[in-house]
Amino acid sequence: MVNLTEFGVAVRKARLDAKVSLSSMATELKVTSAFLSSLEVGRKKISEDWVVKIENFFTQKQVEIPDLRKLADVSNQSISLEGMTPQQAMLLAGFARASFSKQQIEKFSKLLGEAKGK
């Protein structure tokens, strides 16, 4: 059995919530089931266009997938620096190369949540 990425887990759950099969989702999005499956298991990179298409697909079905873009970034093992200031990009690169303890990561996560108004 092939392991799903976190992105794949979220999309599969959304499909179940929307009562939509992989095949019918593929038909509606005008792609093959194999293509969608390859996004879910990480064999294909998930473009920003596909994140938007998948979000829109589930929005029409009244199913929300929280943090889909972040899940795609993690699945892709990359984050686009496009649109970031040089300072933001350098900060992101610094985080990516640093070693943090679990407690430090939890503190950063809490701080980011506060910054976003959660």
C-alpha atoms as a PDB file:
ATOM      1  CA  MET A   1       0.000   0.000   0.000  1.00  0.00           C
ATOM      2  CA  VAL A   2       1.241   3.482  -0.882  1.00  0.00           C
ATOM      3  CA  ASN A   3       1.477   6.031   1.922  1.00  0.00           C
ATOM      4  CA  LEU A   4      -0.408   9.282   1.529  1.00  0.00           C
ATOM      5  CA  THR A   5       1.226  12.609   2.244  1.00  0.00           C
ATOM      6  CA  GLU A   6      -0.466  14.898   4.768  1.00  0.00           C
ATOM      7  CA  PHE A   7      -1.853  16.739   1.729  1.00  0.00           C
ATOM      8  CA  GLY A   8      -3.231  13.437   0.436  1.00  0.00           C
ATOM      9  CA  VAL A   9      -4.780  12.573   3.796  1.00  0.00           C
ATOM     10  CA  ALA A  10      -6.543  15.962   3.896  1.00  0.00           C
ATOM     11  CA  VAL A  11      -7.822  15.674   0.311  1.00  0.00           C
ATOM     12  CA  ARG A  12      -9.000  12.093   0.826  1.00  0.00           C
ATOM     13  CA  LYS A  13     -10.847  13.104   4.012  1.00  0.00           C
ATOM     14  CA  ALA A  14     -12.458  16.003   2.133  1.00  0.00           C
ATOM     15  CA  ARG A  15     -13.543  13.602  -0.617  1.00  0.00           C
ATOM     16  CA  LEU A  16     -15.130  11.331   1.971  1.00  0.00           C
ATOM     17  CA  ASP A  17     -16.836  14.299   3.639  1.00  0.00           C
ATOM     18  CA  ALA A  18     -18.128  15.466   0.249  1.00  0.00           C
ATOM     19  CA  LYS A  19     -19.099  11.895  -0.695  1.00  0.00           C
ATOM     20  CA  VAL A  20     -17.067  12.150  -3.908  1.00  0.00           C
ATOM     21  CA  SER A  21     -14.931   9.365  -5.368  1.00  0.00           C
ATOM     22  CA  LEU A  22     -11.435   9.896  -6.728  1.00  0.00           C
ATOM     23  CA  SER A  23     -12.778   9.005 -10.156  1.00  0.00           C
ATOM     24  CA  SER A  24     -15.624  11.532 -10.101  1.00  0.00           C
ATOM     25  CA  MET A  25     -13.330  14.252  -8.732  1.00  0.00           C
ATOM     26  CA  ALA A  26     -10.882  13.536 -11.556  1.00  0.00           C
ATOM     27  CA  THR A  27     -13.675  13.697 -14.114  1.00  0.00           C
ATOM     28  CA  GLU A  28     -14.909  17.056 -12.776  1.00  0.00           C
ATOM     29  CA  LEU A  29     -11.359  18.464 -12.774  1.00  0.00           C
ATOM     30  CA  LYS A  30     -10.694  17.012 -16.264  1.00  0.00           C
ATOM     31  CA  VAL A  31      -7.686  14.911 -15.240  1.00  0.00           C
ATOM     32  CA  THR A  32      -7.069  11.214 -14.678  1.00  0.00           C
ATOM     33  CA  SER A  33      -7.537   9.449 -11.378  1.00  0.00           C
ATOM     34  CA  ALA A  34      -3.861   8.477 -11.619  1.00  0.00           C
ATOM     35  CA  PHE A  35      -2.879  12.162 -11.736  1.00  0.00           C
ATOM     36  CA  LEU A  36      -4.875  13.029  -8.604  1.00  0.00           C
ATOM     37  CA  SER A  37      -3.553   9.940  -6.852  1.00  0.00           C
ATOM     38  CA  SER A  38       0.026  10.959  -7.683  1.00  0.00           C
ATOM     39  CA  LEU A  39      -0.588  14.340  -6.013  1.00  0.00           C
ATOM     40  CA  GLU A  40      -1.884  12.588  -2.904  1.00  0.00           C
ATOM     41  CA  VAL A  41       1.067  10.236  -2.544  1.00  0.00           C
ATOM     42  CA  GLY A  42       3.735  12.815  -3.400  1.00  0.00           C
ATOM     43  CA  ARG A  43       4.831  11.432  -6.769  1.00  0.00           C
ATOM     44  CA  LYS A  44       3.964  14.775  -8.381  1.00  0.00           C
ATOM     45  CA  LYS A  45       4.611  18.281  -7.130  1.00  0.00           C
ATOM     46  CA  ILE A  46       1.476  20.203  -6.234  1.00  0.00           C
ATOM     47  CA  SER A  47       1.431  23.507  -8.085  1.00  0.00           C
ATOM     48  CA  GLU A  48      -0.282  26.612  -6.739  1.00  0.00           C
ATOM     49  CA  ASP A  49      -2.792  26.220  -9.584  1.00  0.00           C
ATOM     50  CA  TRP A  50      -3.728  22.752  -8.346  1.00  0.00           C
ATOM     51  CA  VAL A  51      -4.064  23.926  -4.763  1.00  0.00           C
ATOM     52  CA  VAL A  52      -6.527  26.569  -5.983  1.00  0.00           C
ATOM     53  CA  LYS A  53      -8.426  24.095  -8.202  1.00  0.00           C
ATOM     54  CA  ILE A  54      -8.746  21.604  -5.347  1.00  0.00           C
ATOM     55  CA  GLU A  55      -9.791  24.313  -2.861  1.00  0.00           C
ATOM     56  CA  ASN A  56     -12.416  25.585  -5.317  1.00  0.00           C
ATOM     57  CA  PHE A  57     -13.638  22.055  -6.010  1.00  0.00           C
ATOM     58  CA  PHE A  58     -14.287  21.415  -2.332  1.00  0.00           C
ATOM     59  CA  THR A  59     -15.653  24.906  -1.673  1.00  0.00           C
ATOM     60  CA  GLN A  60     -18.345  24.158  -4.255  1.00  0.00           C
ATOM     61  CA  LYS A  61     -19.079  20.984  -2.277  1.00  0.00           C
ATOM     62  CA  GLN A  62     -19.169  23.032   0.946  1.00  0.00           C
ATOM     63  CA  VAL A  63     -16.148  21.207   2.385  1.00  0.00           C
ATOM     64  CA  GLU A  64     -13.214  23.170   3.739  1.00  0.00           C
ATOM     65  CA  ILE A  65      -9.647  21.880   3.913  1.00  0.00           C
ATOM     66  CA  PRO A  66      -7.709  23.929   6.476  1.00  0.00           C
ATOM     67  CA  ASP A  67      -4.115  24.846   5.576  1.00  0.00           C
ATOM     68  CA  LEU A  68      -4.169  23.128   2.168  1.00  0.00           C
ATOM     69  CA  ARG A  69      -1.394  25.384   0.832  1.00  0.00           C
ATOM     70  CA  LYS A  70       0.831  24.562   3.802  1.00  0.00           C
ATOM     71  CA  LEU A  71       0.129  20.864   3.376  1.00  0.00           C
ATOM     72  CA  ALA A  72       1.091  21.147  -0.315  1.00  0.00           C
ATOM     73  CA  ASP A  73       4.332  22.931   0.616  1.00  0.00           C
ATOM     74  CA  VAL A  74       5.215  20.159   3.038  1.00  0.00           C
ATOM     75  CA  SER A  75       4.317  17.486   0.491  1.00  0.00           C
ATOM     76  CA  ASN A  76       6.417  19.260  -2.145  1.00  0.00           C
ATOM     77  CA  GLN A  77       9.235  19.672   0.362  1.00  0.00           C
ATOM     78  CA  SER A  78       9.599  23.241  -0.876  1.00  0.00           C
ATOM     79  CA  ILE A  79       8.141  26.675  -0.305  1.00  0.00           C
ATOM     80  CA  SER A  80       7.954  29.403  -2.929  1.00  0.00           C
ATOM     81  CA  LEU A  81       9.760  32.600  -1.975  1.00  0.00           C
ATOM     82  CA  GLU A  82       7.848  34.523  -4.638  1.00  0.00           C
ATOM     83  CA  GLY A  83       6.268  37.674  -3.241  1.00  0.00           C
ATOM     84  CA  MET A  84       8.320  37.611  -0.045  1.00  0.00           C
ATOM     85  CA  THR A  85      10.530  40.459   1.018  1.00  0.00           C
ATOM     86  CA  PRO A  86      14.256  39.647   1.172  1.00  0.00           C
ATOM     87  CA  GLN A  87      14.000  39.757   4.965  1.00  0.00           C
ATOM     88  CA  GLN A  88      11.137  37.215   4.980  1.00  0.00           C
ATOM     89  CA  ALA A  89      13.042  34.922   2.602  1.00  0.00           C
ATOM     90  CA  MET A  90      16.203  35.092   4.735  1.00  0.00           C
ATOM     91  CA  LEU A  91      14.201  34.378   7.880  1.00  0.00           C
ATOM     92  CA  LEU A  92      12.562  31.372   6.226  1.00  0.00           C
ATOM     93  CA  ALA A  93      15.941  30.063   5.063  1.00  0.00           C
ATOM     94  CA  GLY A  94      17.324  30.512   8.570  1.00  0.00           C
ATOM     95  CA  PHE A  95      14.473  28.482  10.047  1.00  0.00           C
ATOM     96  CA  ALA A  96      14.917  25.770   7.439  1.00  0.00           C
ATOM     97  CA  ARG A  97      18.594  25.317   8.267  1.00  0.00           C
ATOM     98  CA  ALA A  98      18.355  25.611  12.065  1.00  0.00           C
ATOM     99  CA  SER A  99      17.921  22.811  14.569  1.00  0.00           C
ATOM    100  CA  PHE A 100      15.203  23.497  17.115  1.00  0.00           C
ATOM    101  CA  SER A 101      13.976  21.473  20.060  1.00  0.00           C
ATOM    102  CA  LYS A 102      10.372  20.336  20.216  1.00  0.00           C
ATOM    103  CA  GLN A 103       9.679  23.006  22.866  1.00  0.00           C
ATOM    104  CA  GLN A 104      11.186  25.755  20.689  1.00  0.00           C
ATOM    105  CA  ILE A 105       9.082  24.650  17.713  1.00  0.00           C
ATOM    106  CA  GLU A 106       5.954  24.704  19.883  1.00  0.00           C
ATOM    107  CA  LYS A 107       6.820  28.268  20.992  1.00  0.00           C
ATOM    108  CA  PHE A 108       7.314  29.371  17.371  1.00  0.00           C
ATOM    109  CA  SER A 109       4.032  27.743  16.417  1.00  0.00           C
ATOM    110  CA  LYS A 110       2.222  29.545  19.229  1.00  0.00           C
ATOM    111  CA  LEU A 111       3.825  32.859  18.229  1.00  0.00           C
ATOM    112  CA  LEU A 112       2.784  32.377  14.586  1.00  0.00           C
ATOM    113  CA  GLY A 113      -0.752  31.567  15.689  1.00  0.00           C
ATOM    114  CA  GLU A 114      -0.857  34.765  17.743  1.00  0.00           C
ATOM    115  CA  ALA A 115       0.543  36.772  14.841  1.00  0.00           C
ATOM    116  CA  LYS A 116      -2.225  35.429  12.593  1.00  0.00           C
ATOM    117  CA  GLY A 117      -4.855  36.372  15.149  1.00  0.00           C
ATOM    118  CA  LYS A 118      -5.796  32.857  16.247  1.00  0.00           C
END
